[in-house]
Amino acid sequence: MSTEPELIQSPLSQTITRDGHTLQVDIYRLEEEVDWLLEVVNEEGTSHVWDDRFATDQAALDAVHEAIDEEGVAAFLD
C-alpha cells in the first residue's frame, strides 16, 4: 500500500499587503521533490500558480516580490 507524499510548506510562506490588498503567498514542495512551487491567492480566493519551479524557497519568494514590484498587486486581482 502506497501513501501520499507529504507536502512541505516553506517557512517563507507569508501574507503580503500592498495598496490595500492582501495576498497569501504559499511556497511548498512534495517531500520527494527538490524544487519549490509558488502559489499566490488573492482576497477572492483566486489562485495564481507559477509554471516555473524554483531551486530554493528564497528564489520563489524573490520571484513573487519581483512580480509585484514590476506588475503591481493588481496583476493578482480578479
C-alpha atoms as a PDB file:
ATOM      1  CA  MET A   1       0.000   0.000   0.000  1.00  0.00           C
ATOM      2  CA  SER A   2       1.442   3.364  -1.022  1.00  0.00           C
ATOM      3  CA  THR A   3       0.968   6.541   0.948  1.00  0.00           C
ATOM      4  CA  GLU A   4       0.607  10.047  -0.380  1.00  0.00           C
ATOM      5  CA  PRO A   5       3.798  12.123  -0.205  1.00  0.00           C
ATOM      6  CA  GLU A   6       3.880  14.777   2.467  1.00  0.00           C
ATOM      7  CA  LEU A   7       3.536  18.429   1.462  1.00  0.00           C
ATOM      8  CA  ILE A   8       6.383  20.535   2.848  1.00  0.00           C
ATOM      9  CA  GLN A   9       5.406  24.172   3.484  1.00  0.00           C
ATOM     10  CA  SER A  10       8.236  26.691   3.417  1.00  0.00           C
ATOM     11  CA  PRO A  11       8.706  28.899   6.472  1.00  0.00           C
ATOM     12  CA  LEU A  12       8.975  31.753   3.916  1.00  0.00           C
ATOM     13  CA  SER A  13       5.274  31.463   3.033  1.00  0.00           C
ATOM     14  CA  GLN A  14       3.607  34.684   4.095  1.00  0.00           C
ATOM     15  CA  THR A  15       0.889  37.267   3.677  1.00  0.00           C
ATOM     16  CA  ILE A  16       1.769  40.387   1.694  1.00  0.00           C
ATOM     17  CA  THR A  17      -0.349  43.544   1.836  1.00  0.00           C
ATOM     18  CA  ARG A  18       0.189  46.260  -0.757  1.00  0.00           C
ATOM     19  CA  ASP A  19      -2.024  49.071  -1.992  1.00  0.00           C
ATOM     20  CA  GLY A  20      -4.825  47.937   0.334  1.00  0.00           C
ATOM     21  CA  HIS A  21      -4.892  44.361  -0.987  1.00  0.00           C
ATOM     22  CA  THR A  22      -3.715  41.233   0.778  1.00  0.00           C
ATOM     23  CA  LEU A  23      -2.153  38.253  -0.985  1.00  0.00           C
ATOM     24  CA  GLN A  24      -1.355  34.880   0.570  1.00  0.00           C
ATOM     25  CA  VAL A  25       1.983  33.593  -0.732  1.00  0.00           C
ATOM     26  CA  ASP A  26       2.364  29.820  -0.421  1.00  0.00           C
ATOM     27  CA  ILE A  27       5.712  28.186  -1.165  1.00  0.00           C
ATOM     28  CA  TYR A  28       5.728  24.409  -0.958  1.00  0.00           C
ATOM     29  CA  ARG A  29       7.075  21.141  -2.352  1.00  0.00           C
ATOM     30  CA  LEU A  30       6.393  17.451  -2.087  1.00  0.00           C
ATOM     31  CA  GLU A  31       8.713  15.633   0.283  1.00  0.00           C
ATOM     32  CA  GLU A  32      10.379  13.637  -2.502  1.00  0.00           C
ATOM     33  CA  GLU A  33      10.834  16.689  -4.746  1.00  0.00           C
ATOM     34  CA  VAL A  34      13.690  19.171  -4.519  1.00  0.00           C
ATOM     35  CA  ASP A  35      12.111  22.101  -6.384  1.00  0.00           C
ATOM     36  CA  TRP A  36       9.664  24.506  -4.798  1.00  0.00           C
ATOM     37  CA  LEU A  37       6.276  25.602  -6.162  1.00  0.00           C
ATOM     38  CA  LEU A  38       4.880  29.111  -5.794  1.00  0.00           C
ATOM     39  CA  GLU A  39       1.207  29.971  -5.416  1.00  0.00           C
ATOM     40  CA  VAL A  40      -0.391  33.347  -4.731  1.00  0.00           C
ATOM     41  CA  VAL A  41      -4.007  33.513  -3.550  1.00  0.00           C
ATOM     42  CA  ASN A  42      -5.862  36.824  -3.629  1.00  0.00           C
ATOM     43  CA  GLU A  43      -8.611  38.048  -1.304  1.00  0.00           C
ATOM     44  CA  GLU A  44     -11.305  36.484  -3.503  1.00  0.00           C
ATOM     45  CA  GLY A  45      -9.640  33.060  -3.295  1.00  0.00           C
ATOM     46  CA  THR A  46      -8.306  33.090  -6.845  1.00  0.00           C
ATOM     47  CA  SER A  47      -5.085  31.109  -7.087  1.00  0.00           C
ATOM     48  CA  HIS A  48      -2.147  32.026  -9.320  1.00  0.00           C
ATOM     49  CA  VAL A  49       0.401  29.202  -9.612  1.00  0.00           C
ATOM     50  CA  TRP A  50       3.759  29.801 -11.289  1.00  0.00           C
ATOM     51  CA  ASP A  51       4.626  27.438 -14.151  1.00  0.00           C
ATOM     52  CA  ASP A  52       8.270  27.614 -13.124  1.00  0.00           C
ATOM     53  CA  ARG A  53       9.692  25.617 -10.257  1.00  0.00           C
ATOM     54  CA  PHE A  54      12.351  27.095  -8.011  1.00  0.00           C
ATOM     55  CA  ALA A  55      15.592  25.595  -6.724  1.00  0.00           C
ATOM     56  CA  THR A  56      15.102  27.289  -3.343  1.00  0.00           C
ATOM     57  CA  ASP A  57      12.180  28.668  -1.399  1.00  0.00           C
ATOM     58  CA  GLN A  58      14.003  32.015  -1.252  1.00  0.00           C
ATOM     59  CA  ALA A  59      14.116  32.116  -5.078  1.00  0.00           C
ATOM     60  CA  ALA A  60      10.343  31.586  -5.124  1.00  0.00           C
ATOM     61  CA  LEU A  61       9.794  34.395  -2.627  1.00  0.00           C
ATOM     62  CA  ASP A  62      12.090  36.680  -4.631  1.00  0.00           C
ATOM     63  CA  ALA A  63      10.049  35.902  -7.778  1.00  0.00           C
ATOM     64  CA  VAL A  64       6.753  36.965  -6.216  1.00  0.00           C
ATOM     65  CA  HIS A  65       8.249  40.188  -4.851  1.00  0.00           C
ATOM     66  CA  GLU A  66       9.727  40.937  -8.283  1.00  0.00           C
ATOM     67  CA  ALA A  67       6.352  40.299  -9.958  1.00  0.00           C
ATOM     68  CA  ILE A  68       4.556  42.603  -7.517  1.00  0.00           C
ATOM     69  CA  ASP A  69       7.211  45.312  -7.955  1.00  0.00           C
ATOM     70  CA  GLU A  70       7.068  45.085 -11.772  1.00  0.00           C
ATOM     71  CA  GLU A  71       3.369  44.425 -12.417  1.00  0.00           C
ATOM     72  CA  GLY A  72       1.742  45.703  -9.253  1.00  0.00           C
ATOM     73  CA  VAL A  73      -0.608  43.872  -6.934  1.00  0.00           C
ATOM     74  CA  ALA A  74      -3.404  44.356  -9.495  1.00  0.00           C
ATOM     75  CA  ALA A  75      -1.896  41.564 -11.595  1.00  0.00           C
ATOM     76  CA  PHE A  76      -3.165  39.129  -8.949  1.00  0.00           C
ATOM     77  CA  LEU A  77      -6.646  40.571  -8.522  1.00  0.00           C
ATOM     78  CA  ASP A  78      -9.821  39.262 -10.182  1.00  0.00           C
END
